[in-house]
PDB file of all heavy atoms in Angstrom:
ATOM      1  N   VAL A   1     -11.435 -14.831   2.433  1.00  0.00           N
ATOM      2  CA  VAL A   1     -11.812 -15.791   3.470  1.00  0.00           C
ATOM      3  C   VAL A   1     -13.212 -15.503   3.982  1.00  0.00           C
ATOM      4  O   VAL A   1     -14.043 -16.415   4.141  1.00  0.00           O
ATOM      5  CB  VAL A   1     -10.788 -15.776   4.620  1.00  0.00           C
ATOM      6  CG1 VAL A   1     -11.299 -16.576   5.820  1.00  0.00           C
ATOM      7  CG2 VAL A   1      -9.454 -16.344   4.145  1.00  0.00           C
ATOM      8  N   SER A   2     -13.528 -14.244   4.271  1.00  0.00           N
ATOM      9  CA  SER A   2     -14.840 -13.928   4.835  1.00  0.00           C
ATOM     10  C   SER A   2     -15.954 -14.232   3.845  1.00  0.00           C
ATOM     11  O   SER A   2     -17.037 -14.693   4.238  1.00  0.00           O
ATOM     12  CB  SER A   2     -14.905 -12.462   5.285  1.00  0.00           C
ATOM     13  OG  SER A   2     -14.735 -11.586   4.194  1.00  0.00           O
ATOM     14  N   ALA A   3     -15.706 -14.012   2.532  1.00  0.00           N
ATOM     15  CA  ALA A   3     -16.715 -14.353   1.532  1.00  0.00           C
ATOM     16  C   ALA A   3     -16.857 -15.864   1.389  1.00  0.00           C
ATOM     17  O   ALA A   3     -17.972 -16.387   1.283  1.00  0.00           O
ATOM     18  CB  ALA A   3     -16.345 -13.729   0.195  1.00  0.00           C
ATOM     19  N   ALA A   4     -15.730 -16.559   1.395  1.00  0.00           N
ATOM     20  CA  ALA A   4     -15.774 -18.019   1.270  1.00  0.00           C
ATOM     21  C   ALA A   4     -16.449 -18.649   2.482  1.00  0.00           C
ATOM     22  O   ALA A   4     -17.126 -19.677   2.355  1.00  0.00           O
ATOM     23  CB  ALA A   4     -14.364 -18.566   1.093  1.00  0.00           C
ATOM     24  N   GLU A   5     -16.281 -18.062   3.660  1.00  0.00           N
ATOM     25  CA  GLU A   5     -16.958 -18.563   4.852  1.00  0.00           C
ATOM     26  C   GLU A   5     -18.478 -18.544   4.681  1.00  0.00           C
ATOM     27  O   GLU A   5     -19.188 -19.363   5.273  1.00  0.00           O
ATOM     28  CB  GLU A   5     -16.587 -17.716   6.073  1.00  0.00           C
ATOM     29  CG  GLU A   5     -15.180 -17.948   6.601  1.00  0.00           C
ATOM     30  CD  GLU A   5     -14.834 -17.007   7.739  1.00  0.00           C
ATOM     31  OE1 GLU A   5     -15.437 -15.906   7.820  1.00  0.00           O
ATOM     32  OE2 GLU A   5     -13.962 -17.362   8.539  1.00  0.00           O
ATOM     33  N   LEU A   6     -18.963 -17.600   3.866  1.00  0.00           N
ATOM     34  CA  LEU A   6     -20.393 -17.455   3.638  1.00  0.00           C
ATOM     35  C   LEU A   6     -20.853 -18.192   2.392  1.00  0.00           C
ATOM     36  O   LEU A   6     -21.990 -18.006   1.935  1.00  0.00           O
ATOM     37  CB  LEU A   6     -20.743 -15.968   3.541  1.00  0.00           C
ATOM     38  CG  LEU A   6     -20.503 -15.182   4.832  1.00  0.00           C
ATOM     39  CD1 LEU A   6     -20.640 -13.695   4.603  1.00  0.00           C
ATOM     40  CD2 LEU A   6     -21.453 -15.649   5.930  1.00  0.00           C
ATOM     41  N   GLY A   7     -19.974 -19.008   1.833  1.00  0.00           N
ATOM     42  CA  GLY A   7     -20.376 -19.889   0.741  1.00  0.00           C
ATOM     43  C   GLY A   7     -20.119 -19.392  -0.658  1.00  0.00           C
ATOM     44  O   GLY A   7     -20.503 -20.062  -1.625  1.00  0.00           O
ATOM     45  N   LEU A   8     -19.471 -18.252  -0.827  1.00  0.00           N
ATOM     46  CA  LEU A   8     -19.207 -17.746  -2.170  1.00  0.00           C
ATOM     47  C   LEU A   8     -18.000 -18.451  -2.788  1.00  0.00           C
ATOM     48  O   LEU A   8     -17.054 -18.809  -2.078  1.00  0.00           O
ATOM     49  CB  LEU A   8     -18.939 -16.233  -2.145  1.00  0.00           C
ATOM     50  CG  LEU A   8     -20.163 -15.327  -2.302  1.00  0.00           C
ATOM     51  CD1 LEU A   8     -21.104 -15.483  -1.128  1.00  0.00           C
ATOM     52  CD2 LEU A   8     -19.728 -13.867  -2.456  1.00  0.00           C
ATOM     53  N   ARG A   9     -18.053 -18.642  -4.099  1.00  0.00           N
ATOM     54  CA  ARG A   9     -16.873 -19.085  -4.840  1.00  0.00           C
ATOM     55  C   ARG A   9     -16.001 -17.857  -5.083  1.00  0.00           C
ATOM     56  O   ARG A   9     -16.479 -16.839  -5.584  1.00  0.00           O
ATOM     57  CB  ARG A   9     -17.259 -19.720  -6.166  1.00  0.00           C
ATOM     58  CG  ARG A   9     -17.924 -21.089  -6.055  1.00  0.00           C
ATOM     59  CD  ARG A   9     -17.986 -21.753  -7.416  1.00  0.00           C
ATOM     60  NE  ARG A   9     -18.661 -20.910  -8.390  1.00  0.00           N
ATOM     61  CZ  ARG A   9     -18.404 -20.925  -9.703  1.00  0.00           C
ATOM     62  NH1 ARG A   9     -17.471 -21.717 -10.190  1.00  0.00           N
ATOM     63  NH2 ARG A   9     -19.078 -20.143 -10.532  1.00  0.00           N
ATOM     64  N   VAL A  10     -14.737 -17.980  -4.751  1.00  0.00           N
ATOM     65  CA  VAL A  10     -13.839 -16.822  -4.806  1.00  0.00           C
ATOM     66  C   VAL A  10     -12.599 -17.161  -5.605  1.00  0.00           C
ATOM     67  O   VAL A  10     -11.995 -18.225  -5.425  1.00  0.00           O
ATOM     68  CB  VAL A  10     -13.425 -16.377  -3.383  1.00  0.00           C
ATOM     69  CG1 VAL A  10     -12.531 -15.141  -3.456  1.00  0.00           C
ATOM     70  CG2 VAL A  10     -14.647 -16.107  -2.515  1.00  0.00           C
ATOM     71  N   VAL A  11     -12.219 -16.244  -6.480  1.00  0.00           N
ATOM     72  CA  VAL A  11     -10.927 -16.309  -7.162  1.00  0.00           C
ATOM     73  C   VAL A  11     -10.130 -15.086  -6.738  1.00  0.00           C
ATOM     74  O   VAL A  11     -10.633 -13.957  -6.797  1.00  0.00           O
ATOM     75  CB  VAL A  11     -11.063 -16.337  -8.693  1.00  0.00           C
ATOM     76  CG1 VAL A  11      -9.683 -16.460  -9.349  1.00  0.00           C
ATOM     77  CG2 VAL A  11     -11.960 -17.484  -9.140  1.00  0.00           C
ATOM     78  N   LEU A  12      -8.915 -15.300  -6.274  1.00  0.00           N
ATOM     79  CA  LEU A  12      -8.047 -14.206  -5.843  1.00  0.00           C
ATOM     80  C   LEU A  12      -6.881 -14.076  -6.811  1.00  0.00           C
ATOM     81  O   LEU A  12      -6.196 -15.067  -7.106  1.00  0.00           O
ATOM     82  CB  LEU A  12      -7.552 -14.451  -4.419  1.00  0.00           C
ATOM     83  CG  LEU A  12      -6.683 -13.353  -3.797  1.00  0.00           C
ATOM     84  CD1 LEU A  12      -6.920 -13.283  -2.288  1.00  0.00           C
ATOM     85  CD2 LEU A  12      -5.195 -13.567  -4.070  1.00  0.00           C
ATOM     86  N   PHE A  13      -6.630 -12.854  -7.289  1.00  0.00           N
ATOM     87  CA  PHE A  13      -5.560 -12.574  -8.233  1.00  0.00           C
ATOM     88  C   PHE A  13      -4.489 -11.728  -7.555  1.00  0.00           C
ATOM     89  O   PHE A  13      -4.783 -10.668  -7.000  1.00  0.00           O
ATOM     90  CB  PHE A  13      -6.106 -11.823  -9.450  1.00  0.00           C
ATOM     91  CG  PHE A  13      -7.120 -12.598 -10.239  1.00  0.00           C
ATOM     92  CD1 PHE A  13      -8.475 -12.544  -9.910  1.00  0.00           C
ATOM     93  CD2 PHE A  13      -6.730 -13.383 -11.312  1.00  0.00           C
ATOM     94  CE1 PHE A  13      -9.413 -13.255 -10.632  1.00  0.00           C
ATOM     95  CE2 PHE A  13      -7.663 -14.104 -12.049  1.00  0.00           C
ATOM     96  CZ  PHE A  13      -9.007 -14.039 -11.710  1.00  0.00           C
ATOM     97  N   GLU A  14      -3.257 -12.185  -7.615  1.00  0.00           N
ATOM     98  CA  GLU A  14      -2.111 -11.453  -7.065  1.00  0.00           C
ATOM     99  C   GLU A  14      -1.063 -11.305  -8.169  1.00  0.00           C
ATOM    100  O   GLU A  14      -0.635 -12.292  -8.770  1.00  0.00           O
ATOM    101  CB  GLU A  14      -1.520 -12.199  -5.871  1.00  0.00           C
ATOM    102  CG  GLU A  14      -0.160 -11.716  -5.405  1.00  0.00           C
ATOM    103  CD  GLU A  14      -0.129 -10.236  -5.057  1.00  0.00           C
ATOM    104  OE1 GLU A  14      -1.009  -9.788  -4.289  1.00  0.00           O
ATOM    105  OE2 GLU A  14       0.777  -9.528  -5.559  1.00  0.00           O
ATOM    106  N   LYS A  15      -0.660 -10.065  -8.438  1.00  0.00           N
ATOM    107  CA  LYS A  15       0.247  -9.859  -9.566  1.00  0.00           C
ATOM    108  C   LYS A  15       1.681 -10.298  -9.282  1.00  0.00           C
ATOM    109  O   LYS A  15       2.440 -10.575 -10.211  1.00  0.00           O
ATOM    110  CB  LYS A  15       0.235  -8.388  -9.986  1.00  0.00           C
ATOM    111  CG  LYS A  15       0.956  -7.428  -9.055  1.00  0.00           C
ATOM    112  CD  LYS A  15       0.939  -6.025  -9.644  1.00  0.00           C
ATOM    113  CE  LYS A  15       1.664  -5.043  -8.751  1.00  0.00           C
ATOM    114  NZ  LYS A  15       1.656  -3.674  -9.305  1.00  0.00           N
ATOM    115  N   MET A  16       2.054 -10.373  -8.000  1.00  0.00           N
ATOM    116  CA  MET A  16       3.406 -10.785  -7.655  1.00  0.00           C
ATOM    117  C   MET A  16       3.495 -12.313  -7.597  1.00  0.00           C
ATOM    118  O   MET A  16       2.477 -12.998  -7.527  1.00  0.00           O
ATOM    119  CB  MET A  16       3.823 -10.170  -6.317  1.00  0.00           C
ATOM    120  CG  MET A  16       3.758  -8.650  -6.289  1.00  0.00           C
ATOM    121  SD  MET A  16       4.783  -7.860  -7.564  1.00  0.00           S
ATOM    122  CE  MET A  16       6.415  -8.193  -6.902  1.00  0.00           C
ATOM    123  N   PRO A  17       4.716 -12.862  -7.563  1.00  0.00           N
ATOM    124  CA  PRO A  17       4.841 -14.327  -7.500  1.00  0.00           C
ATOM    125  C   PRO A  17       4.364 -14.936  -6.199  1.00  0.00           C
ATOM    126  O   PRO A  17       4.079 -16.133  -6.151  1.00  0.00           O
ATOM    127  CB  PRO A  17       6.354 -14.553  -7.688  1.00  0.00           C
ATOM    128  CG  PRO A  17       6.870 -13.310  -8.327  1.00  0.00           C
ATOM    129  CD  PRO A  17       6.006 -12.200  -7.808  1.00  0.00           C
ATOM    130  N   ALA A  18       4.290 -14.144  -5.126  1.00  0.00           N
ATOM    131  CA  ALA A  18       3.890 -14.682  -3.822  1.00  0.00           C
ATOM    132  C   ALA A  18       2.901 -13.739  -3.161  1.00  0.00           C
ATOM    133  O   ALA A  18       2.856 -12.535  -3.451  1.00  0.00           O
ATOM    134  CB  ALA A  18       5.117 -14.870  -2.929  1.00  0.00           C
ATOM    135  N   LEU A  19       2.099 -14.273  -2.252  1.00  0.00           N
ATOM    136  CA  LEU A  19       1.155 -13.479  -1.487  1.00  0.00           C
ATOM    137  C   LEU A  19       1.882 -12.655  -0.423  1.00  0.00           C
ATOM    138  O   LEU A  19       3.015 -12.938  -0.081  1.00  0.00           O
ATOM    139  CB  LEU A  19       0.136 -14.398  -0.800  1.00  0.00           C
ATOM    140  CG  LEU A  19      -0.684 -15.328  -1.692  1.00  0.00           C
ATOM    141  CD1 LEU A  19      -1.539 -16.251  -0.833  1.00  0.00           C
ATOM    142  CD2 LEU A  19      -1.563 -14.523  -2.644  1.00  0.00           C
ATOM    143  N   GLY A  20       1.202 -11.655   0.097  1.00  0.00           N
ATOM    144  CA  GLY A  20       1.765 -10.946   1.248  1.00  0.00           C
ATOM    145  C   GLY A  20       1.602  -9.450   1.230  1.00  0.00           C
ATOM    146  O   GLY A  20       1.106  -8.849   2.175  1.00  0.00           O
ATOM    147  N   GLY A  21       2.094  -8.787   0.172  1.00  0.00           N
ATOM    148  CA  GLY A  21       2.011  -7.341   0.101  1.00  0.00           C
ATOM    149  C   GLY A  21       2.655  -6.649   1.284  1.00  0.00           C
ATOM    150  O   GLY A  21       3.573  -7.178   1.917  1.00  0.00           O
ATOM    151  N   ASN A  22       2.158  -5.465   1.607  1.00  0.00           N
ATOM    152  CA  ASN A  22       2.716  -4.706   2.726  1.00  0.00           C
ATOM    153  C   ASN A  22       2.443  -5.368   4.070  1.00  0.00           C
ATOM    154  O   ASN A  22       3.210  -5.195   5.019  1.00  0.00           O
ATOM    155  CB  ASN A  22       2.139  -3.283   2.740  1.00  0.00           C
ATOM    156  CG  ASN A  22       2.978  -2.312   1.946  1.00  0.00           C
ATOM    157  OD1 ASN A  22       3.972  -2.690   1.330  1.00  0.00           O
ATOM    158  ND2 ASN A  22       2.591  -1.056   1.933  1.00  0.00           N
ATOM    159  N   THR A  23       1.362  -6.146   4.171  1.00  0.00           N
ATOM    160  CA  THR A  23       1.066  -6.806   5.445  1.00  0.00           C
ATOM    161  C   THR A  23       2.203  -7.726   5.849  1.00  0.00           C
ATOM    162  O   THR A  23       2.618  -7.763   7.012  1.00  0.00           O
ATOM    163  CB  THR A  23      -0.237  -7.611   5.338  1.00  0.00           C
ATOM    164  OG1 THR A  23      -1.308  -6.732   4.993  1.00  0.00           O
ATOM    165  CG2 THR A  23      -0.570  -8.291   6.665  1.00  0.00           C
ATOM    166  N   ALA A  24       2.735  -8.470   4.895  1.00  0.00           N
ATOM    167  CA  ALA A  24       3.772  -9.461   5.201  1.00  0.00           C
ATOM    168  C   ALA A  24       5.048  -8.822   5.727  1.00  0.00           C
ATOM    169  O   ALA A  24       5.751  -9.419   6.548  1.00  0.00           O
ATOM    170  CB  ALA A  24       4.081 -10.298   3.973  1.00  0.00           C
TER     171      ALA A  24
END
């Protein structure tokens, strides 16, 4: 999000079926 706010094109890769990790 912080990179995209500054105009960068971002691809995010998550190995699990859903986002979240330990934060969730």
